[in-house]
C-alpha atoms as a PDB file:
ATOM      1  CA  MET A   1     -28.916  -8.456  18.301  1.00  0.00           C
ATOM      2  CA  ASN A   2     -25.572  -8.658  16.520  1.00  0.00           C
ATOM      3  CA  ASN A   3     -22.276  -7.533  18.071  1.00  0.00           C
ATOM      4  CA  GLY A   4     -22.212  -4.232  16.166  1.00  0.00           C
ATOM      5  CA  SER A   5     -25.642  -3.097  17.319  1.00  0.00           C
ATOM      6  CA  LYS A   6     -24.964  -4.371  20.840  1.00  0.00           C
ATOM      7  CA  MET A   7     -21.802  -2.258  20.975  1.00  0.00           C
ATOM      8  CA  GLN A   8     -23.708   0.767  19.657  1.00  0.00           C
ATOM      9  CA  THR A   9     -26.358   0.257  22.341  1.00  0.00           C
ATOM     10  CA  GLU A  10     -23.699   0.036  25.068  1.00  0.00           C
ATOM     11  CA  GLN A  11     -22.086   3.231  23.771  1.00  0.00           C
ATOM     12  CA  LEU A  12     -25.472   4.944  23.718  1.00  0.00           C
ATOM     13  CA  VAL A  13     -26.154   3.896  27.320  1.00  0.00           C
ATOM     14  CA  TYR A  14     -22.714   5.160  28.318  1.00  0.00           C
ATOM     15  CA  LEU A  15     -23.389   8.527  26.657  1.00  0.00           C
ATOM     16  CA  TYR A  16     -26.714   8.894  28.467  1.00  0.00           C
ATOM     17  CA  VAL A  17     -25.011   7.984  31.765  1.00  0.00           C
ATOM     18  CA  GLN A  18     -22.266  10.557  31.194  1.00  0.00           C
ATOM     19  CA  ALA A  19     -24.769  13.261  30.287  1.00  0.00           C
ATOM     20  CA  PHE A  20     -26.883  12.415  33.328  1.00  0.00           C
ATOM     21  CA  LEU A  21     -23.858  12.525  35.637  1.00  0.00           C
ATOM     22  CA  ASN A  22     -22.698  15.830  34.185  1.00  0.00           C
ATOM     23  CA  LEU A  23     -26.034  17.369  35.146  1.00  0.00           C
ATOM     24  CA  TYR A  24     -27.128  15.440  38.231  1.00  0.00           C
ATOM     25  CA  TYR A  25     -24.072  13.881  39.889  1.00  0.00           C
ATOM     26  CA  HIS A  26     -24.734  15.977  43.013  1.00  0.00           C
ATOM     27  CA  THR A  27     -28.163  14.316  43.413  1.00  0.00           C
ATOM     28  CA  LEU A  28     -26.549  10.897  43.721  1.00  0.00           C
ATOM     29  CA  GLU A  29     -24.496  11.610  46.836  1.00  0.00           C
ATOM     30  CA  LYS A  30     -27.138  10.047  49.072  1.00  0.00           C
ATOM     31  CA  VAL A  31     -28.177   7.234  46.721  1.00  0.00           C
ATOM     32  CA  ASP A  32     -27.287   3.858  48.143  1.00  0.00           C
ATOM     33  CA  LYS A  33     -25.520   1.339  45.897  1.00  0.00           C
ATOM     34  CA  ASP A  34     -28.299  -1.135  46.727  1.00  0.00           C
ATOM     35  CA  VAL A  35     -30.876   1.273  45.263  1.00  0.00           C
ATOM     36  CA  LEU A  36     -28.999   1.357  41.950  1.00  0.00           C
ATOM     37  CA  GLU A  37     -28.681  -2.443  41.960  1.00  0.00           C
ATOM     38  CA  LYS A  38     -32.400  -2.798  42.696  1.00  0.00           C
ATOM     39  CA  ALA A  39     -33.209  -0.394  39.838  1.00  0.00           C
ATOM     40  CA  HIS A  40     -30.901  -2.300  37.478  1.00  0.00           C
ATOM     41  CA  PHE A  41     -32.551  -5.606  38.423  1.00  0.00           C
ATOM     42  CA  PHE A  42     -36.036  -4.138  37.956  1.00  0.00           C
ATOM     43  CA  PHE A  43     -35.375  -2.722  34.491  1.00  0.00           C
ATOM     44  CA  LYS A  44     -33.299  -5.723  33.387  1.00  0.00           C
ATOM     45  CA  THR A  45     -35.988  -8.266  34.296  1.00  0.00           C
ATOM     46  CA  LYS A  46     -39.123  -6.402  33.113  1.00  0.00           C
ATOM     47  CA  LYS A  47     -38.719  -6.967  29.378  1.00  0.00           C
ATOM     48  CA  SER A  48     -42.468  -6.650  28.698  1.00  0.00           C
ATOM     49  CA  PHE A  49     -42.343  -3.230  30.345  1.00  0.00           C
ATOM     50  CA  TYR A  50     -40.403  -1.889  27.335  1.00  0.00           C
ATOM     51  CA  PHE A  51     -43.098  -3.052  24.961  1.00  0.00           C
ATOM     52  CA  LEU A  52     -45.517  -0.741  26.772  1.00  0.00           C
ATOM     53  CA  LEU A  53     -43.036   2.119  27.058  1.00  0.00           C
ATOM     54  CA  GLU A  54     -42.280   2.050  23.363  1.00  0.00           C
ATOM     55  CA  SER A  55     -45.864   1.579  22.263  1.00  0.00           C
ATOM     56  CA  PRO A  56     -47.137   4.483  20.157  1.00  0.00           C
ATOM     57  CA  LEU A  57     -50.646   3.702  21.417  1.00  0.00           C
ATOM     58  CA  LEU A  58     -49.902   4.897  24.939  1.00  0.00           C
ATOM     59  CA  ASP A  59     -49.794   8.592  25.704  1.00  0.00           C
ATOM     60  CA  ASP A  60     -46.378   9.913  26.815  1.00  0.00           C
ATOM     61  CA  SER A  61     -47.938  11.459  29.925  1.00  0.00           C
ATOM     62  CA  TYR A  62     -49.136   7.987  30.985  1.00  0.00           C
ATOM     63  CA  LYS A  63     -45.634   6.582  30.400  1.00  0.00           C
ATOM     64  CA  LEU A  64     -44.119   9.425  32.440  1.00  0.00           C
ATOM     65  CA  ALA A  65     -46.560   8.897  35.296  1.00  0.00           C
ATOM     66  CA  THR A  66     -45.871   5.158  35.307  1.00  0.00           C
ATOM     67  CA  LEU A  67     -42.105   5.620  35.344  1.00  0.00           C
ATOM     68  CA  LYS A  68     -42.403   8.284  38.038  1.00  0.00           C
ATOM     69  CA  GLN A  69     -44.215   5.750  40.223  1.00  0.00           C
ATOM     70  CA  VAL A  70     -41.481   3.187  39.503  1.00  0.00           C
ATOM     71  CA  ARG A  71     -38.854   5.791  40.479  1.00  0.00           C
ATOM     72  CA  ILE A  72     -40.654   6.479  43.751  1.00  0.00           C
ATOM     73  CA  ASN A  73     -40.985   2.750  44.509  1.00  0.00           C
ATOM     74  CA  LEU A  74     -37.268   2.267  43.829  1.00  0.00           C
ATOM     75  CA  SER A  75     -36.322   5.275  46.035  1.00  0.00           C
ATOM     76  CA  LEU A  76     -34.497   7.060  43.218  1.00  0.00           C
ATOM     77  CA  PRO A  77     -34.030  10.862  43.287  1.00  0.00           C
ATOM     78  CA  GLU A  78     -36.381  13.151  41.352  1.00  0.00           C
ATOM     79  CA  SER A  79     -33.592  13.924  38.893  1.00  0.00           C
ATOM     80  CA  PHE A  80     -34.404  10.609  37.203  1.00  0.00           C
ATOM     81  CA  ASP A  81     -37.744  12.062  36.076  1.00  0.00           C
ATOM     82  CA  ASN A  82     -35.832  14.349  33.711  1.00  0.00           C
ATOM     83  CA  LEU A  83     -33.908  11.383  32.327  1.00  0.00           C
ATOM     84  CA  VAL A  84     -37.141   9.477  31.762  1.00  0.00           C
ATOM     85  CA  LYS A  85     -38.724  12.425  29.919  1.00  0.00           C
ATOM     86  CA  LEU A  86     -35.698  12.592  27.650  1.00  0.00           C
ATOM     87  CA  LEU A  87     -35.689   8.845  26.969  1.00  0.00           C
ATOM     88  CA  ILE A  88     -39.404   8.835  26.171  1.00  0.00           C
ATOM     89  CA  THR A  89     -38.992  11.811  23.842  1.00  0.00           C
ATOM     90  CA  HIS A  90     -36.067  10.118  22.066  1.00  0.00           C
ATOM     91  CA  LYS A  91     -37.865   6.733  22.093  1.00  0.00           C
ATOM     92  CA  LYS A  92     -34.871   5.184  23.871  1.00  0.00           C
ATOM     93  CA  THR A  93     -36.466   3.752  27.035  1.00  0.00           C
ATOM     94  CA  SER A  94     -34.697   0.442  26.389  1.00  0.00           C
ATOM     95  CA  VAL A  95     -31.530   2.241  27.567  1.00  0.00           C
ATOM     96  CA  LEU A  96     -32.872   1.763  31.105  1.00  0.00           C
ATOM     97  CA  GLN A  97     -32.011  -1.958  30.929  1.00  0.00           C
ATOM     98  CA  ASN A  98     -28.321  -1.248  31.510  1.00  0.00           C
ATOM     99  CA  PHE A  99     -28.393   2.395  32.574  1.00  0.00           C
ATOM    100  CA  PHE A 100     -28.254   1.739  36.324  1.00  0.00           C
ATOM    101  CA  LEU A 101     -25.454  -0.817  36.080  1.00  0.00           C
ATOM    102  CA  ILE A 102     -23.243   1.574  34.120  1.00  0.00           C
ATOM    103  CA  LEU A 103     -24.337   4.484  36.314  1.00  0.00           C
ATOM    104  CA  ASP A 104     -23.180   2.582  39.402  1.00  0.00           C
ATOM    105  CA  GLN A 105     -19.817   1.835  37.767  1.00  0.00           C
ATOM    106  CA  GLU A 106     -19.311   5.460  36.761  1.00  0.00           C
ATOM    107  CA  VAL A 107     -20.295   6.819  40.184  1.00  0.00           C
ATOM    108  CA  GLN A 108     -17.776   4.452  41.763  1.00  0.00           C
ATOM    109  CA  LYS A 109     -15.079   5.694  39.356  1.00  0.00           C
ATOM    110  CA  ARG A 110     -15.843   9.334  40.151  1.00  0.00           C
ATOM    111  CA  ASN A 111     -15.831   8.580  43.887  1.00  0.00           C
ATOM    112  CA  ASN A 112     -12.590   6.552  43.649  1.00  0.00           C
ATOM    113  CA  GLN A 113     -14.419   3.474  44.976  1.00  0.00           C
ATOM    114  CA  ILE A 114     -14.349  -0.244  44.387  1.00  0.00           C
ATOM    115  CA  SER A 115     -16.971  -2.713  45.588  1.00  0.00           C
ATOM    116  CA  PHE A 116     -15.804  -6.102  46.785  1.00  0.00           C
ATOM    117  CA  VAL A 117     -17.741  -9.200  47.679  1.00  0.00           C
ATOM    118  CA  VAL A 118     -15.964 -10.855  50.579  1.00  0.00           C
ATOM    119  CA  SER A 119     -16.927 -14.519  50.811  1.00  0.00           C
ATOM    120  CA  PHE A 120     -15.900 -16.611  53.784  1.00  0.00           C
ATOM    121  CA  ALA A 121     -16.752 -19.838  55.555  1.00  0.00           C
ATOM    122  CA  GLY A 122     -17.801 -19.706  59.187  1.00  0.00           C
ATOM    123  CA  GLN A 123     -17.590 -16.491  61.178  1.00  0.00           C
ATOM    124  CA  ILE A 124     -15.811 -13.205  60.565  1.00  0.00           C
ATOM    125  CA  THR A 125     -15.232 -10.645  63.303  1.00  0.00           C
ATOM    126  CA  ALA A 126     -15.449  -6.856  63.122  1.00  0.00           C
ATOM    127  CA  GLN A 127     -11.691  -6.724  63.623  1.00  0.00           C
ATOM    128  CA  GLN A 128     -11.150  -9.047  60.654  1.00  0.00           C
ATOM    129  CA  LYS A 129     -13.522  -6.929  58.540  1.00  0.00           C
ATOM    130  CA  ASN A 130     -11.513  -3.822  59.417  1.00  0.00           C
ATOM    131  CA  ALA A 131      -8.264  -5.603  58.514  1.00  0.00           C
ATOM    132  CA  ILE A 132      -9.713  -6.713  55.158  1.00  0.00           C
ATOM    133  CA  GLN A 133     -10.943  -3.180  54.444  1.00  0.00           C
ATOM    134  CA  LEU A 134      -7.547  -1.686  55.296  1.00  0.00           C
ATOM    135  CA  PHE A 135      -5.680  -4.295  53.213  1.00  0.00           C
ATOM    136  CA  LEU A 136      -7.884  -3.650  50.165  1.00  0.00           C
ATOM    137  CA  GLU A 137      -7.615   0.139  50.517  1.00  0.00           C
ATOM    138  CA  GLN A 138      -3.819  -0.075  50.708  1.00  0.00           C
ATOM    139  CA  ALA A 139      -3.611  -2.557  47.831  1.00  0.00           C
ATOM    140  CA  THR A 140      -5.865  -0.568  45.482  1.00  0.00           C
ATOM    141  CA  GLY A 141      -5.475   3.019  46.655  1.00  0.00           C
ATOM    142  CA  LYS A 142      -9.255   3.387  46.558  1.00  0.00           C
ATOM    143  CA  TYR A 143     -12.128   3.629  48.998  1.00  0.00           C
ATOM    144  CA  ILE A 144     -13.506   0.128  49.489  1.00  0.00           C
ATOM    145  CA  MET A 145     -17.119  -0.941  49.924  1.00  0.00           C
ATOM    146  CA  CYS A 146     -17.470  -4.540  51.063  1.00  0.00           C
ATOM    147  CA  GLU A 147     -20.410  -6.881  50.983  1.00  0.00           C
ATOM    148  CA  TYR A 148     -19.807  -9.838  53.284  1.00  0.00           C
ATOM    149  CA  ARG A 149     -21.252 -13.265  52.454  1.00  0.00           C
ATOM    150  CA  ASN A 150     -20.996 -16.480  54.371  1.00  0.00           C
ATOM    151  CA  ASP A 151     -20.219 -19.213  51.813  1.00  0.00           C
ATOM    152  CA  PRO A 152     -19.919 -22.708  53.323  1.00  0.00           C
ATOM    153  CA  ASP A 153     -18.774 -24.050  49.917  1.00  0.00           C
ATOM    154  CA  LEU A 154     -15.390 -22.384  50.493  1.00  0.00           C
ATOM    155  CA  ILE A 155     -14.728 -24.937  53.294  1.00  0.00           C
ATOM    156  CA  ALA A 156     -12.223 -22.519  54.887  1.00  0.00           C
ATOM    157  CA  GLY A 157     -10.471 -19.320  53.928  1.00  0.00           C
ATOM    158  CA  ILE A 158     -11.603 -16.196  52.157  1.00  0.00           C
ATOM    159  CA  ARG A 159     -12.367 -14.924  48.662  1.00  0.00           C
ATOM    160  CA  LEU A 160     -12.222 -11.203  47.755  1.00  0.00           C
ATOM    161  CA  GLN A 161     -13.772 -10.286  44.410  1.00  0.00           C
ATOM    162  CA  SER A 162     -14.544  -7.070  42.553  1.00  0.00           C
ATOM    163  CA  ARG A 163     -15.112  -6.387  38.864  1.00  0.00           C
ATOM    164  CA  GLN A 164     -11.352  -5.930  38.396  1.00  0.00           C
ATOM    165  CA  PHE A 165      -9.737  -8.052  41.120  1.00  0.00           C
ATOM    166  CA  LEU A 166      -9.902 -11.554  42.529  1.00  0.00           C
ATOM    167  CA  LEU A 167      -7.986 -12.832  45.528  1.00  0.00           C
ATOM    168  CA  ASP A 168      -8.960 -16.383  46.431  1.00  0.00           C
ATOM    169  CA  ASP A 169      -7.269 -17.843  49.499  1.00  0.00           C
ATOM    170  CA  SER A 170      -9.824 -20.537  50.236  1.00  0.00           C
ATOM    171  CA  ILE A 171      -9.567 -24.308  50.371  1.00  0.00           C
ATOM    172  CA  LYS A 172     -12.005 -24.493  47.462  1.00  0.00           C
ATOM    173  CA  GLY A 173      -9.771 -22.150  45.424  1.00  0.00           C
ATOM    174  CA  ARG A 174      -6.635 -24.094  46.280  1.00  0.00           C
ATOM    175  CA  LEU A 175      -8.300 -27.407  45.357  1.00  0.00           C
ATOM    176  CA  GLY A 176      -9.354 -25.857  42.046  1.00  0.00           C
ATOM    177  CA  LYS A 177      -5.756 -24.867  41.283  1.00  0.00           C
ATOM    178  CA  ILE A 178      -4.522 -28.375  42.129  1.00  0.00           C
ATOM    179  CA  ARG A 179      -7.253 -29.879  39.918  1.00  0.00           C
ATOM    180  CA  CYS A 180      -6.087 -27.687  36.997  1.00  0.00           C
ATOM    181  CA  LEU A 181      -2.465 -28.731  37.528  1.00  0.00           C
ATOM    182  CA  LEU A 182      -3.390 -32.422  37.579  1.00  0.00           C
ATOM    183  CA  LYS A 183      -5.337 -32.097  34.308  1.00  0.00           C
ATOM    184  CA  ARG A 184      -2.249 -30.892  32.451  1.00  0.00           C
END
């Protein structure tokens, strides 16, 4: 796929996401971020699935029933059935590959949220988690959702990363900066 068609596909996905949110945003209030990530992973990794979905040999009702079962297994709201019907009708089921990733990003924007991965070495207390949360909320002016990961490769310190921000105050990060300076 060349850059032009890739950009058109991304724009198409974005338009479907916006249309979906305009109609069904209220159904996503109780949808966990992990559910959207799981759905994105499923549709991103099942490339052969699209061959079946786009096959003219399979009846649309069979495709709908199959995707409804996938929706149920992924714990997605019923509103996604309407999206699936539309995508099958328009022969655009490949949009599902990136739909859930962009949907998650757009829901976070509408909810004034940012997700951070907080990596650390060793232990982190509840009090430290609260301090990190408060710091990030004050620094960004947004509601913060943190995923905490123990990363022994950091040696010591902490790394805070979102799609837009990176704050690395770890020994590994500091050694990386020194290594870059020495290479100059």
